Structures are given as structure tokens and as C-alpha cells.
Amino acid sequence: MAASFSPFRGTYRYLQRQAHENPTIFFSCVLGAIGPIMVLTVPPIRWKLGWRPSEPIPTSYPLPNRPRRPVEGFDDE
């Protein structure tokens, strides 16, 4: 039974040594590996906690539902 776990023990020791000797490279790889996992896990958790997307921002100004009158009295001519 112990022989079947020896590759994992060696891997753990290697990662522990790398975290001690090259922490920037080690933790960069850890954060890089966590990123894709978070893409799959964070959105469902947010939905369960009650987060909903906001309404989209309007892209045009709504025009009034009446006939347009020409502007008078501002000396535009």
C-alpha cells in the first residue's frame, strides 16, 4: 500500500521544496491553475447567493411620443 502512494509523496516533497526555493514561480503556477477552475465554480455560487446581472445600459435616448415642433425665439437664423 505504501508503494502506491510514493509517487505522490515525492511530488509533494518536490512542490514543497519549490515553494521554499522559488516562491514566485511556484505561486504563479498555483494561481494560473486556479484561474480556469474559478471560471467554472464562481458563477454558480454567485447565482445561489442571489446575484443577478444589472439591466443593460440604454444605447439611445427615447424620443417622445408626440409631433415635433420647430424651435422659435432663439435667433438661430
PDB file of N, CA and C in Angstrom:
ATOM      1  N   MET A   1       0.823  -1.192   0.000  1.00  0.00           N
ATOM      2  CA  MET A   1       0.000   0.000   0.000  1.00  0.00           C
ATOM      3  C   MET A   1       0.867   1.255   0.000  1.00  0.00           C
ATOM      4  N   ALA A   2       1.953   1.237   0.744  1.00  0.00           N
ATOM      5  CA  ALA A   2       2.810   2.416   0.809  1.00  0.00           C
ATOM      6  C   ALA A   2       3.484   2.685  -0.535  1.00  0.00           C
ATOM      7  N   ALA A   3       3.717   1.638  -1.306  1.00  0.00           N
ATOM      8  CA  ALA A   3       4.372   1.817  -2.606  1.00  0.00           C
ATOM      9  C   ALA A   3       3.466   2.552  -3.587  1.00  0.00           C
ATOM     10  N   SER A   4       2.165   2.412  -3.431  1.00  0.00           N
ATOM     11  CA  SER A   4       1.262   3.084  -4.360  1.00  0.00           C
ATOM     12  C   SER A   4       1.186   4.588  -4.109  1.00  0.00           C
ATOM     13  N   PHE A   5       1.494   5.050  -2.900  1.00  0.00           N
ATOM     14  CA  PHE A   5       1.456   6.479  -2.584  1.00  0.00           C
ATOM     15  C   PHE A   5       2.821   7.147  -2.696  1.00  0.00           C
ATOM     16  N   SER A   6       3.871   6.406  -2.990  1.00  0.00           N
ATOM     17  CA  SER A   6       5.203   7.012  -3.040  1.00  0.00           C
ATOM     18  C   SER A   6       5.356   8.046  -4.157  1.00  0.00           C
ATOM     19  N   PRO A   7       4.736   7.900  -5.341  1.00  0.00           N
ATOM     20  CA  PRO A   7       4.867   8.993  -6.326  1.00  0.00           C
ATOM     21  C   PRO A   7       4.250  10.298  -5.832  1.00  0.00           C
ATOM     22  N   PHE A   8       3.133  10.206  -5.125  1.00  0.00           N
ATOM     23  CA  PHE A   8       2.504  11.419  -4.600  1.00  0.00           C
ATOM     24  C   PHE A   8       3.345  12.038  -3.496  1.00  0.00           C
ATOM     25  N   ARG A   9       3.994  11.209  -2.705  1.00  0.00           N
ATOM     26  CA  ARG A   9       4.850  11.717  -1.644  1.00  0.00           C
ATOM     27  C   ARG A   9       6.033  12.465  -2.246  1.00  0.00           C
ATOM     28  N   GLY A  10       6.604  11.908  -3.308  1.00  0.00           N
ATOM     29  CA  GLY A  10       7.716  12.574  -3.978  1.00  0.00           C
ATOM     30  C   GLY A  10       7.274  13.878  -4.628  1.00  0.00           C
ATOM     31  N   THR A  11       6.094  13.884  -5.200  1.00  0.00           N
ATOM     32  CA  THR A  11       5.576  15.096  -5.819  1.00  0.00           C
ATOM     33  C   THR A  11       5.331  16.169  -4.765  1.00  0.00           C
ATOM     34  N   TYR A  12       4.771  15.766  -3.631  1.00  0.00           N
ATOM     35  CA  TYR A  12       4.531  16.726  -2.554  1.00  0.00           C
ATOM     36  C   TYR A  12       5.840  17.320  -2.063  1.00  0.00           C
ATOM     37  N   ARG A  13       6.844  16.492  -1.891  1.00  0.00           N
ATOM     38  CA  ARG A  13       8.148  16.998  -1.423  1.00  0.00           C
ATOM     39  C   ARG A  13       8.763  17.942  -2.454  1.00  0.00           C
ATOM     40  N   TYR A  14       8.615  17.609  -3.731  1.00  0.00           N
ATOM     41  CA  TYR A  14       9.144  18.476  -4.780  1.00  0.00           C
ATOM     42  C   TYR A  14       8.437  19.834  -4.760  1.00  0.00           C
ATOM     43  N   LEU A  15       7.114  19.829  -4.672  1.00  0.00           N
ATOM     44  CA  LEU A  15       6.367  21.086  -4.641  1.00  0.00           C
ATOM     45  C   LEU A  15       6.704  21.897  -3.393  1.00  0.00           C
ATOM     46  N   GLN A  16       6.880  21.211  -2.276  1.00  0.00           N
ATOM     47  CA  GLN A  16       7.242  21.917  -1.039  1.00  0.00           C
ATOM     48  C   GLN A  16       8.612  22.572  -1.186  1.00  0.00           C
ATOM     49  N   ARG A  17       9.557  21.874  -1.800  1.00  0.00           N
ATOM     50  CA  ARG A  17      10.885  22.450  -1.998  1.00  0.00           C
ATOM     51  C   ARG A  17      10.825  23.629  -2.967  1.00  0.00           C
ATOM     52  N   GLN A  18      10.041  23.507  -4.041  1.00  0.00           N
ATOM     53  CA  GLN A  18       9.923  24.604  -4.992  1.00  0.00           C
ATOM     54  C   GLN A  18       9.262  25.834  -4.348  1.00  0.00           C
ATOM     55  N   ALA A  19       8.276  25.596  -3.490  1.00  0.00           N
ATOM     56  CA  ALA A  19       7.631  26.715  -2.799  1.00  0.00           C
ATOM     57  C   ALA A  19       8.620  27.432  -1.883  1.00  0.00           C
ATOM     58  N   HIS A  20       9.583  26.711  -1.373  1.00  0.00           N
ATOM     59  CA  HIS A  20      10.568  27.323  -0.485  1.00  0.00           C
ATOM     60  C   HIS A  20      11.688  28.006  -1.277  1.00  0.00           C
ATOM     61  N   GLU A  21      12.148  27.365  -2.349  1.00  0.00           N
ATOM     62  CA  GLU A  21      13.291  27.901  -3.088  1.00  0.00           C
ATOM     63  C   GLU A  21      12.898  28.921  -4.154  1.00  0.00           C
ATOM     64  N   ASN A  22      11.764  28.713  -4.832  1.00  0.00           N
ATOM     65  CA  ASN A  22      11.301  29.620  -5.884  1.00  0.00           C
ATOM     66  C   ASN A  22       9.837  29.987  -5.646  1.00  0.00           C
ATOM     67  N   PRO A  23       9.563  30.786  -4.633  1.00  0.00           N
ATOM     68  CA  PRO A  23       8.154  31.035  -4.307  1.00  0.00           C
ATOM     69  C   PRO A  23       7.389  31.799  -5.391  1.00  0.00           C
ATOM     70  N   THR A  24       8.047  32.707  -6.102  1.00  0.00           N
ATOM     71  CA  THR A  24       7.316  33.468  -7.117  1.00  0.00           C
ATOM     72  C   THR A  24       6.856  32.574  -8.264  1.00  0.00           C
ATOM     73  N   ILE A  25       7.723  31.695  -8.710  1.00  0.00           N
ATOM     74  CA  ILE A  25       7.358  30.794  -9.807  1.00  0.00           C
ATOM     75  C   ILE A  25       6.301  29.800  -9.331  1.00  0.00           C
ATOM     76  N   PHE A  26       6.485  29.263  -8.133  1.00  0.00           N
ATOM     77  CA  PHE A  26       5.544  28.269  -7.609  1.00  0.00           C
ATOM     78  C   PHE A  26       4.144  28.865  -7.462  1.00  0.00           C
ATOM     79  N   PHE A  27       4.030  30.016  -6.813  1.00  0.00           N
ATOM     80  CA  PHE A  27       2.706  30.583  -6.581  1.00  0.00           C
ATOM     81  C   PHE A  27       2.105  31.164  -7.861  1.00  0.00           C
ATOM     82  N   SER A  28       2.921  31.560  -8.822  1.00  0.00           N
ATOM     83  CA  SER A  28       2.387  31.957 -10.124  1.00  0.00           C
ATOM     84  C   SER A  28       1.723  30.767 -10.810  1.00  0.00           C
ATOM     85  N   CYS A  29       2.347  29.615 -10.722  1.00  0.00           N
ATOM     86  CA  CYS A  29       1.752  28.401 -11.311  1.00  0.00           C
ATOM     87  C   CYS A  29       0.483  28.002 -10.561  1.00  0.00           C
ATOM     88  N   VAL A  30       0.478  28.149  -9.244  1.00  0.00           N
ATOM     89  CA  VAL A  30      -0.713  27.812  -8.459  1.00  0.00           C
ATOM     90  C   VAL A  30      -1.873  28.733  -8.853  1.00  0.00           C
ATOM     91  N   LEU A  31      -1.625  30.037  -8.928  1.00  0.00           N
ATOM     92  CA  LEU A  31      -2.684  30.970  -9.319  1.00  0.00           C
ATOM     93  C   LEU A  31      -3.133  30.738 -10.757  1.00  0.00           C
ATOM     94  N   GLY A  32      -2.203  30.395 -11.631  1.00  0.00           N
ATOM     95  CA  GLY A  32      -2.560  30.096 -13.010  1.00  0.00           C
ATOM     96  C   GLY A  32      -3.427  28.856 -13.127  1.00  0.00           C
ATOM     97  N   ALA A  33      -3.226  27.885 -12.245  1.00  0.00           N
ATOM     98  CA  ALA A  33      -4.041  26.668 -12.265  1.00  0.00           C
ATOM     99  C   ALA A  33      -5.410  26.903 -11.631  1.00  0.00           C
ATOM    100  N   ILE A  34      -5.492  27.820 -10.688  1.00  0.00           N
ATOM    101  CA  ILE A  34      -6.769  28.090 -10.011  1.00  0.00           C
ATOM    102  C   ILE A  34      -7.710  28.892 -10.908  1.00  0.00           C
ATOM    103  N   GLY A  35      -7.180  29.720 -11.814  1.00  0.00           N
ATOM    104  CA  GLY A  35      -7.996  30.575 -12.667  1.00  0.00           C
ATOM    105  C   GLY A  35      -9.069  29.841 -13.457  1.00  0.00           C
ATOM    106  N   PRO A  36      -8.718  28.829 -14.265  1.00  0.00           N
ATOM    107  CA  PRO A  36      -9.753  28.121 -15.023  1.00  0.00           C
ATOM    108  C   PRO A  36     -10.759  27.390 -14.133  1.00  0.00           C
ATOM    109  N   ILE A  37     -10.322  26.940 -12.985  1.00  0.00           N
ATOM    110  CA  ILE A  37     -11.240  26.274 -12.059  1.00  0.00           C
ATOM    111  C   ILE A  37     -12.265  27.278 -11.539  1.00  0.00           C
ATOM    112  N   MET A  38     -11.818  28.503 -11.253  1.00  0.00           N
ATOM    113  CA  MET A  38     -12.733  29.526 -10.748  1.00  0.00           C
ATOM    114  C   MET A  38     -13.747  29.955 -11.801  1.00  0.00           C
ATOM    115  N   VAL A  39     -13.371  29.898 -13.080  1.00  0.00           N
ATOM    116  CA  VAL A  39     -14.317  30.246 -14.151  1.00  0.00           C
ATOM    117  C   VAL A  39     -15.514  29.303 -14.118  1.00  0.00           C
ATOM    118  N   LEU A  40     -15.290  28.060 -13.750  1.00  0.00           N
ATOM    119  CA  LEU A  40     -16.376  27.082 -13.721  1.00  0.00           C
ATOM    120  C   LEU A  40     -17.132  27.061 -12.396  1.00  0.00           C
ATOM    121  N   THR A  41     -16.522  27.494 -11.302  1.00  0.00           N
ATOM    122  CA  THR A  41     -17.162  27.362  -9.995  1.00  0.00           C
ATOM    123  C   THR A  41     -17.771  28.650  -9.450  1.00  0.00           C
ATOM    124  N   VAL A  42     -17.212  29.803  -9.762  1.00  0.00           N
ATOM    125  CA  VAL A  42     -17.690  31.054  -9.164  1.00  0.00           C
ATOM    126  C   VAL A  42     -19.073  31.480  -9.662  1.00  0.00           C
ATOM    127  N   PRO A  43     -19.382  31.452 -10.968  1.00  0.00           N
ATOM    128  CA  PRO A  43     -20.717  31.901 -11.386  1.00  0.00           C
ATOM    129  C   PRO A  43     -21.884  31.139 -10.752  1.00  0.00           C
ATOM    130  N   PRO A  44     -21.863  29.803 -10.642  1.00  0.00           N
ATOM    131  CA  PRO A  44     -22.984  29.144  -9.964  1.00  0.00           C
ATOM    132  C   PRO A  44     -23.105  29.532  -8.490  1.00  0.00           C
ATOM    133  N   ILE A  45     -21.986  29.757  -7.838  1.00  0.00           N
ATOM    134  CA  ILE A  45     -22.030  30.164  -6.425  1.00  0.00           C
ATOM    135  C   ILE A  45     -22.644  31.559  -6.314  1.00  0.00           C
ATOM    136  N   ARG A  46     -22.285  32.463  -7.222  1.00  0.00           N
ATOM    137  CA  ARG A  46     -22.867  33.805  -7.195  1.00  0.00           C
ATOM    138  C   ARG A  46     -24.372  33.756  -7.409  1.00  0.00           C
ATOM    139  N   TRP A  47     -24.843  32.907  -8.333  1.00  0.00           N
ATOM    140  CA  TRP A  47     -26.284  32.788  -8.582  1.00  0.00           C
ATOM    141  C   TRP A  47     -26.996  32.245  -7.354  1.00  0.00           C
ATOM    142  N   LYS A  48     -26.392  31.282  -6.662  1.00  0.00           N
ATOM    143  CA  LYS A  48     -27.019  30.711  -5.462  1.00  0.00           C
ATOM    144  C   LYS A  48     -27.089  31.728  -4.332  1.00  0.00           C
ATOM    145  N   LEU A  49     -26.149  32.662  -4.298  1.00  0.00           N
ATOM    146  CA  LEU A  49     -26.148  33.690  -3.261  1.00  0.00           C
ATOM    147  C   LEU A  49     -27.065  34.867  -3.600  1.00  0.00           C
ATOM    148  N   GLY A  50     -27.701  34.837  -4.776  1.00  0.00           N
ATOM    149  CA  GLY A  50     -28.680  35.855  -5.104  1.00  0.00           C
ATOM    150  C   GLY A  50     -28.219  36.937  -6.049  1.00  0.00           C
ATOM    151  N   TRP A  51     -27.052  36.828  -6.641  1.00  0.00           N
ATOM    152  CA  TRP A  51     -26.573  37.850  -7.561  1.00  0.00           C
ATOM    153  C   TRP A  51     -27.306  37.717  -8.885  1.00  0.00           C
ATOM    154  N   ARG A  52     -27.764  38.836  -9.410  1.00  0.00           N
ATOM    155  CA  ARG A  52     -28.392  38.878 -10.727  1.00  0.00           C
ATOM    156  C   ARG A  52     -27.741  40.012 -11.516  1.00  0.00           C
ATOM    157  N   PRO A  53     -27.579  39.841 -12.825  1.00  0.00           N
ATOM    158  CA  PRO A  53     -26.954  40.915 -13.609  1.00  0.00           C
ATOM    159  C   PRO A  53     -27.848  42.149 -13.658  1.00  0.00           C
ATOM    160  N   SER A  54     -27.225  43.303 -13.733  1.00  0.00           N
ATOM    161  CA  SER A  54     -27.982  44.551 -13.781  1.00  0.00           C
ATOM    162  C   SER A  54     -28.598  44.734 -15.166  1.00  0.00           C
ATOM    163  N   GLU A  55     -29.533  45.691 -15.257  1.00  0.00           N
ATOM    164  CA  GLU A  55     -30.165  45.969 -16.534  1.00  0.00           C
ATOM    165  C   GLU A  55     -29.134  46.566 -17.490  1.00  0.00           C
ATOM    166  N   PRO A  56     -29.265  46.272 -18.775  1.00  0.00           N
ATOM    167  CA  PRO A  56     -28.300  46.843 -19.719  1.00  0.00           C
ATOM    168  C   PRO A  56     -28.445  48.359 -19.820  1.00  0.00           C
ATOM    169  N   ILE A  57     -27.357  49.016 -20.087  1.00  0.00           N
ATOM    170  CA  ILE A  57     -27.335  50.463 -20.227  1.00  0.00           C
ATOM    171  C   ILE A  57     -28.021  50.834 -21.539  1.00  0.00           C
ATOM    172  N   PRO A  58     -28.916  51.832 -21.539  1.00  0.00           N
ATOM    173  CA  PRO A  58     -29.578  52.223 -22.793  1.00  0.00           C
ATOM    174  C   PRO A  58     -28.563  52.744 -23.804  1.00  0.00           C
ATOM    175  N   THR A  59     -28.770  52.395 -25.046  1.00  0.00           N
ATOM    176  CA  THR A  59     -27.849  52.840 -26.099  1.00  0.00           C
ATOM    177  C   THR A  59     -28.394  54.017 -26.896  1.00  0.00           C
ATOM    178  N   SER A  60     -29.651  54.403 -26.677  1.00  0.00           N
ATOM    179  CA  SER A  60     -30.211  55.565 -27.367  1.00  0.00           C
ATOM    180  C   SER A  60     -31.139  56.305 -26.412  1.00  0.00           C
ATOM    181  N   TYR A  61     -31.409  57.557 -26.761  1.00  0.00           N
ATOM    182  CA  TYR A  61     -32.300  58.375 -25.954  1.00  0.00           C
ATOM    183  C   TYR A  61     -33.730  58.157 -26.436  1.00  0.00           C
ATOM    184  N   PRO A  62     -34.679  57.881 -25.558  1.00  0.00           N
ATOM    185  CA  PRO A  62     -36.048  57.638 -26.016  1.00  0.00           C
ATOM    186  C   PRO A  62     -36.697  58.927 -26.531  1.00  0.00           C
ATOM    187  N   LEU A  63     -37.291  58.848 -27.716  1.00  0.00           N
ATOM    188  CA  LEU A  63     -37.959  60.013 -28.305  1.00  0.00           C
ATOM    189  C   LEU A  63     -39.378  60.123 -27.756  1.00  0.00           C
ATOM    190  N   PRO A  64     -39.865  61.335 -27.537  1.00  0.00           N
ATOM    191  CA  PRO A  64     -41.228  61.490 -27.033  1.00  0.00           C
ATOM    192  C   PRO A  64     -42.255  61.061 -28.078  1.00  0.00           C
ATOM    193  N   ASN A  65     -43.388  60.599 -27.621  1.00  0.00           N
ATOM    194  CA  ASN A  65     -44.444  60.118 -28.499  1.00  0.00           C
ATOM    195  C   ASN A  65     -45.413  61.267 -28.814  1.00  0.00           C
ATOM    196  N   ARG A  66     -44.933  62.275 -29.518  1.00  0.00           N
ATOM    197  CA  ARG A  66     -45.736  63.436 -29.900  1.00  0.00           C
ATOM    198  C   ARG A  66     -45.090  64.061 -31.122  1.00  0.00           C
ATOM    199  N   PRO A  67     -45.828  64.893 -31.839  1.00  0.00           N
ATOM    200  CA  PRO A  67     -45.228  65.544 -33.023  1.00  0.00           C
ATOM    201  C   PRO A  67     -44.185  66.578 -32.600  1.00  0.00           C
ATOM    202  N   ARG A  68     -43.164  66.709 -33.385  1.00  0.00           N
ATOM    203  CA  ARG A  68     -42.110  67.673 -33.089  1.00  0.00           C
ATOM    204  C   ARG A  68     -42.502  69.055 -33.593  1.00  0.00           C
ATOM    205  N   ARG A  69     -42.178  70.077 -32.804  1.00  0.00           N
ATOM    206  CA  ARG A  69     -42.430  71.460 -33.193  1.00  0.00           C
ATOM    207  C   ARG A  69     -41.098  72.147 -33.452  1.00  0.00           C
ATOM    208  N   PRO A  70     -41.067  73.010 -34.449  1.00  0.00           N
ATOM    209  CA  PRO A  70     -39.808  73.734 -34.678  1.00  0.00           C
ATOM    210  C   PRO A  70     -39.520  74.702 -33.527  1.00  0.00           C
ATOM    211  N   VAL A  71     -38.268  74.907 -33.267  1.00  0.00           N
ATOM    212  CA  VAL A  71     -37.842  75.803 -32.194  1.00  0.00           C
ATOM    213  C   VAL A  71     -37.981  77.240 -32.672  1.00  0.00           C
ATOM    214  N   GLU A  72     -38.524  78.121 -31.825  1.00  0.00           N
ATOM    215  CA  GLU A  72     -38.709  79.529 -32.171  1.00  0.00           C
ATOM    216  C   GLU A  72     -38.178  80.422 -31.067  1.00  0.00           C
ATOM    217  N   GLY A  73     -37.728  81.602 -31.459  1.00  0.00           N
ATOM    218  CA  GLY A  73     -37.373  82.605 -30.481  1.00  0.00           C
ATOM    219  C   GLY A  73     -35.948  82.572 -29.987  1.00  0.00           C
ATOM    220  N   PHE A  74     -35.069  81.829 -30.594  1.00  0.00           N
ATOM    221  CA  PHE A  74     -33.699  81.780 -30.116  1.00  0.00           C
ATOM    222  C   PHE A  74     -32.730  82.424 -31.103  1.00  0.00           C
ATOM    223  N   ASP A  75     -33.233  83.097 -32.132  1.00  0.00           N
ATOM    224  CA  ASP A  75     -32.425  83.787 -33.128  1.00  0.00           C
ATOM    225  C   ASP A  75     -31.405  82.863 -33.786  1.00  0.00           C
ATOM    226  N   ASP A  76     -31.856  81.701 -34.211  1.00  0.00           N
ATOM    227  CA  ASP A  76     -30.975  80.746 -34.842  1.00  0.00           C
ATOM    228  C   ASP A  76     -30.696  81.090 -36.292  1.00  0.00           C
ATOM    229  N   GLU A  77     -31.492  81.984 -36.914  1.00  0.00           N
ATOM    230  CA  GLU A  77     -31.327  82.274 -38.331  1.00  0.00           C
ATOM    231  C   GLU A  77     -30.386  83.405 -38.578  1.00  0.00           C
TER     232      GLU A  77
END
